[in-house]
Amino acid sequence: MALIHLVYASKPFGFDAATLNGILLKARAHNARDNISGALICRADIYLQMLEGPDEAVDAAYARIVRDDRHVEPKLLVREPIENRLFGSWAMRDDPARSWMWTQEELVDGALERASESDVLAIFERLSEEAEGQLPN
């Protein structure tokens, strides 16, 4: 079974703490069931998420996300095979924008469209390093 990681960005629809908690609760349950790990960086103007695991399970999870009306304009940024997971013990690590990321102004000015795959992956690599000493969800 091939492992992949997939990163997408979307704009939140109706972003608030209750919506985020609902997304995380459902994602953690589905991901634990489907052997998916990952991380979600979220704030009022962007969701940036990495999913990692078996290719068919990750693709199915992304297909559910694309159909979810809480995500506006989902955009696939990275999908590639991996040897090892960054968030292997996390069904879904969440980070409410404490990580380095683009400012709202940079996003409006097209930072996401200009970002390379390595730029996007570097965000999750930093988050993974921060998560190492923390307990998984």
C-alpha atoms as a PDB file:
ATOM      1  CA  MET A   1       0.000   0.000   0.000  1.00  0.00           C
ATOM      2  CA  ALA A   2       1.518   3.315  -1.120  1.00  0.00           C
ATOM      3  CA  LEU A   3       1.729   6.222   1.308  1.00  0.00           C
ATOM      4  CA  ILE A   4       1.167   9.770   0.103  1.00  0.00           C
ATOM      5  CA  HIS A   5       0.792  13.193   1.536  1.00  0.00           C
ATOM      6  CA  LEU A   6      -1.633  15.687   0.134  1.00  0.00           C
ATOM      7  CA  VAL A   7      -1.838  19.397   0.947  1.00  0.00           C
ATOM      8  CA  TYR A   8      -4.725  21.638   0.015  1.00  0.00           C
ATOM      9  CA  ALA A   9      -5.879  25.137   0.831  1.00  0.00           C
ATOM     10  CA  SER A  10      -9.429  26.418   1.054  1.00  0.00           C
ATOM     11  CA  LYS A  11     -11.303  29.417   2.331  1.00  0.00           C
ATOM     12  CA  PRO A  12     -13.443  28.795   5.410  1.00  0.00           C
ATOM     13  CA  PHE A  13     -17.171  29.352   5.186  1.00  0.00           C
ATOM     14  CA  GLY A  14     -18.663  30.357   8.526  1.00  0.00           C
ATOM     15  CA  PHE A  15     -15.400  30.163  10.458  1.00  0.00           C
ATOM     16  CA  ASP A  16     -15.798  30.139  14.223  1.00  0.00           C
ATOM     17  CA  ALA A  17     -14.674  27.984  17.128  1.00  0.00           C
ATOM     18  CA  ALA A  18     -17.754  25.742  16.966  1.00  0.00           C
ATOM     19  CA  THR A  19     -17.277  25.076  13.229  1.00  0.00           C
ATOM     20  CA  LEU A  20     -13.583  24.332  13.727  1.00  0.00           C
ATOM     21  CA  ASN A  21     -14.283  21.987  16.645  1.00  0.00           C
ATOM     22  CA  GLY A  22     -16.863  20.143  14.533  1.00  0.00           C
ATOM     23  CA  ILE A  23     -14.410  19.753  11.659  1.00  0.00           C
ATOM     24  CA  LEU A  24     -11.657  18.503  13.983  1.00  0.00           C
ATOM     25  CA  LEU A  25     -13.932  16.045  15.802  1.00  0.00           C
ATOM     26  CA  LYS A  26     -15.161  14.474  12.567  1.00  0.00           C
ATOM     27  CA  ALA A  27     -11.717  14.526  10.920  1.00  0.00           C
ATOM     28  CA  ARG A  28     -10.064  12.821  13.877  1.00  0.00           C
ATOM     29  CA  ALA A  29     -12.678  10.061  13.930  1.00  0.00           C
ATOM     30  CA  HIS A  30     -12.511   9.436  10.170  1.00  0.00           C
ATOM     31  CA  ASN A  31      -8.722   9.695  10.058  1.00  0.00           C
ATOM     32  CA  ALA A  32      -8.212   7.254  12.934  1.00  0.00           C
ATOM     33  CA  ARG A  33     -10.556   4.817  11.171  1.00  0.00           C
ATOM     34  CA  ASP A  34      -8.790   5.253   7.800  1.00  0.00           C
ATOM     35  CA  ASN A  35      -5.155   5.278   9.023  1.00  0.00           C
ATOM     36  CA  ILE A  36      -4.715   8.940   8.026  1.00  0.00           C
ATOM     37  CA  SER A  37      -2.611  11.416   9.952  1.00  0.00           C
ATOM     38  CA  GLY A  38      -2.030  15.074   9.319  1.00  0.00           C
ATOM     39  CA  ALA A  39      -2.337  18.665  10.409  1.00  0.00           C
ATOM     40  CA  LEU A  40      -4.768  21.524   9.879  1.00  0.00           C
ATOM     41  CA  ILE A  41      -3.652  25.136  10.064  1.00  0.00           C
ATOM     42  CA  CYS A  42      -6.689  27.322  10.314  1.00  0.00           C
ATOM     43  CA  ARG A  43      -7.701  30.917  10.672  1.00  0.00           C
ATOM     44  CA  ALA A  44     -10.584  33.064   9.468  1.00  0.00           C
ATOM     45  CA  ASP A  45      -9.196  33.510   5.933  1.00  0.00           C
ATOM     46  CA  ILE A  46      -7.585  30.129   5.142  1.00  0.00           C
ATOM     47  CA  TYR A  47      -7.479  26.432   5.900  1.00  0.00           C
ATOM     48  CA  LEU A  48      -4.190  24.787   4.983  1.00  0.00           C
ATOM     49  CA  GLN A  49      -4.220  21.053   5.591  1.00  0.00           C
ATOM     50  CA  MET A  50      -1.877  18.115   5.131  1.00  0.00           C
ATOM     51  CA  LEU A  51      -3.296  14.607   4.979  1.00  0.00           C
ATOM     52  CA  GLU A  52      -0.938  11.614   4.955  1.00  0.00           C
ATOM     53  CA  GLY A  53      -1.590   7.926   4.703  1.00  0.00           C
ATOM     54  CA  PRO A  54      -2.645   5.230   2.220  1.00  0.00           C
ATOM     55  CA  ASP A  55      -3.245   6.824  -1.176  1.00  0.00           C
ATOM     56  CA  GLU A  56      -6.837   5.607  -1.616  1.00  0.00           C
ATOM     57  CA  ALA A  57      -7.851   6.714   1.893  1.00  0.00           C
ATOM     58  CA  VAL A  58      -6.233  10.143   1.518  1.00  0.00           C
ATOM     59  CA  ASP A  59      -7.851  10.679  -1.898  1.00  0.00           C
ATOM     60  CA  ALA A  60     -11.250   9.691  -0.460  1.00  0.00           C
ATOM     61  CA  ALA A  61     -10.816  12.101   2.470  1.00  0.00           C
ATOM     62  CA  TYR A  62      -9.905  14.928   0.097  1.00  0.00           C
ATOM     63  CA  ALA A  63     -12.958  14.130  -2.053  1.00  0.00           C
ATOM     64  CA  ARG A  64     -15.150  14.507   1.076  1.00  0.00           C
ATOM     65  CA  ILE A  65     -13.490  17.848   1.841  1.00  0.00           C
ATOM     66  CA  VAL A  66     -14.089  19.124  -1.695  1.00  0.00           C
ATOM     67  CA  ARG A  67     -17.817  18.323  -1.282  1.00  0.00           C
ATOM     68  CA  ASP A  68     -17.986  19.932   2.202  1.00  0.00           C
ATOM     69  CA  ASP A  69     -19.655  23.355   2.044  1.00  0.00           C
ATOM     70  CA  ARG A  70     -17.518  24.601   4.954  1.00  0.00           C
ATOM     71  CA  HIS A  71     -14.612  24.703   2.470  1.00  0.00           C
ATOM     72  CA  VAL A  72     -14.808  27.320  -0.297  1.00  0.00           C
ATOM     73  CA  GLU A  73     -12.588  27.012  -3.386  1.00  0.00           C
ATOM     74  CA  PRO A  74     -10.455  24.044  -2.274  1.00  0.00           C
ATOM     75  CA  LYS A  75      -7.182  23.967  -4.177  1.00  0.00           C
ATOM     76  CA  LEU A  76      -4.846  20.954  -4.327  1.00  0.00           C
ATOM     77  CA  LEU A  77      -1.277  22.165  -3.714  1.00  0.00           C
ATOM     78  CA  VAL A  78       0.765  18.978  -3.249  1.00  0.00           C
ATOM     79  CA  ARG A  79       0.117  15.265  -3.774  1.00  0.00           C
ATOM     80  CA  GLU A  80       3.112  12.963  -3.777  1.00  0.00           C
ATOM     81  CA  PRO A  81       4.409   9.633  -2.470  1.00  0.00           C
ATOM     82  CA  ILE A  82       6.191   9.631   0.891  1.00  0.00           C
ATOM     83  CA  GLU A  83       8.374   7.227   2.834  1.00  0.00           C
ATOM     84  CA  ASN A  84       7.557   8.573   6.309  1.00  0.00           C
ATOM     85  CA  ARG A  85       4.801  10.613   7.878  1.00  0.00           C
ATOM     86  CA  LEU A  86       5.382  14.006   9.491  1.00  0.00           C
ATOM     87  CA  PHE A  87       2.397  13.609  11.840  1.00  0.00           C
ATOM     88  CA  GLY A  88       2.301   9.842  12.319  1.00  0.00           C
ATOM     89  CA  SER A  89       0.907   9.921  15.849  1.00  0.00           C
ATOM     90  CA  TRP A  90      -1.649  12.667  15.143  1.00  0.00           C
ATOM     91  CA  ALA A  91      -5.054  11.800  13.658  1.00  0.00           C
ATOM     92  CA  MET A  92      -5.293  15.555  13.043  1.00  0.00           C
ATOM     93  CA  ARG A  93      -2.915  18.075  14.600  1.00  0.00           C
ATOM     94  CA  ASP A  94      -4.524  21.492  14.692  1.00  0.00           C
ATOM     95  CA  ASP A  95      -2.748  24.805  14.718  1.00  0.00           C
ATOM     96  CA  PRO A  96      -4.831  27.967  14.883  1.00  0.00           C
ATOM     97  CA  ALA A  97      -2.257  29.969  12.915  1.00  0.00           C
ATOM     98  CA  ARG A  98       0.435  29.965  15.562  1.00  0.00           C
ATOM     99  CA  SER A  99       2.792  28.611  12.908  1.00  0.00           C
ATOM    100  CA  TRP A 100       4.571  30.816  10.449  1.00  0.00           C
ATOM    101  CA  MET A 101       2.332  31.427   7.511  1.00  0.00           C
ATOM    102  CA  TRP A 102       1.374  34.161   5.148  1.00  0.00           C
ATOM    103  CA  THR A 103      -0.345  37.253   6.497  1.00  0.00           C
ATOM    104  CA  GLN A 104      -3.845  38.094   5.327  1.00  0.00           C
ATOM    105  CA  GLU A 105      -2.344  40.835   3.151  1.00  0.00           C
ATOM    106  CA  GLU A 106       0.131  38.409   1.565  1.00  0.00           C
ATOM    107  CA  LEU A 107      -2.714  36.000   0.757  1.00  0.00           C
ATOM    108  CA  VAL A 108      -4.725  38.785  -0.861  1.00  0.00           C
ATOM    109  CA  ASP A 109      -1.613  39.681  -2.887  1.00  0.00           C
ATOM    110  CA  GLY A 110      -1.328  36.103  -4.227  1.00  0.00           C
ATOM    111  CA  ALA A 111       1.189  34.433  -1.880  1.00  0.00           C
ATOM    112  CA  LEU A 112      -0.613  31.085  -2.119  1.00  0.00           C
ATOM    113  CA  GLU A 113      -0.586  31.141  -5.918  1.00  0.00           C
ATOM    114  CA  ARG A 114       3.153  31.952  -5.935  1.00  0.00           C
ATOM    115  CA  ALA A 115       4.110  29.363  -3.307  1.00  0.00           C
ATOM    116  CA  SER A 116       6.087  26.384  -4.517  1.00  0.00           C
ATOM    117  CA  GLU A 117       5.444  22.857  -3.275  1.00  0.00           C
ATOM    118  CA  SER A 118       8.583  23.125  -1.132  1.00  0.00           C
ATOM    119  CA  ASP A 119       7.345  26.424   0.394  1.00  0.00           C
ATOM    120  CA  VAL A 120       4.069  24.744   1.378  1.00  0.00           C
ATOM    121  CA  LEU A 121       5.758  21.607   2.719  1.00  0.00           C
ATOM    122  CA  ALA A 122       8.177  23.729   4.788  1.00  0.00           C
ATOM    123  CA  ILE A 123       5.224  25.098   6.767  1.00  0.00           C
ATOM    124  CA  PHE A 124       4.210  21.571   7.780  1.00  0.00           C
ATOM    125  CA  GLU A 125       7.797  20.513   8.465  1.00  0.00           C
ATOM    126  CA  ARG A 126       8.093  23.366  10.989  1.00  0.00           C
ATOM    127  CA  LEU A 127       4.748  22.427  12.538  1.00  0.00           C
ATOM    128  CA  SER A 128       5.859  18.796  12.787  1.00  0.00           C
ATOM    129  CA  GLU A 129       9.032  19.828  14.615  1.00  0.00           C
ATOM    130  CA  GLU A 130       6.933  21.868  17.071  1.00  0.00           C
ATOM    131  CA  ALA A 131       4.539  18.933  17.579  1.00  0.00           C
ATOM    132  CA  GLU A 132       7.246  16.407  18.465  1.00  0.00           C
ATOM    133  CA  GLY A 133       7.209  17.209  22.173  1.00  0.00           C
ATOM    134  CA  GLN A 134       3.432  17.480  22.455  1.00  0.00           C
ATOM    135  CA  LEU A 135       0.848  14.806  23.118  1.00  0.00           C
ATOM    136  CA  PRO A 136      -1.194  13.712  20.094  1.00  0.00           C
ATOM    137  CA  ASN A 137      -4.934  14.265  19.960  1.00  0.00           C
END
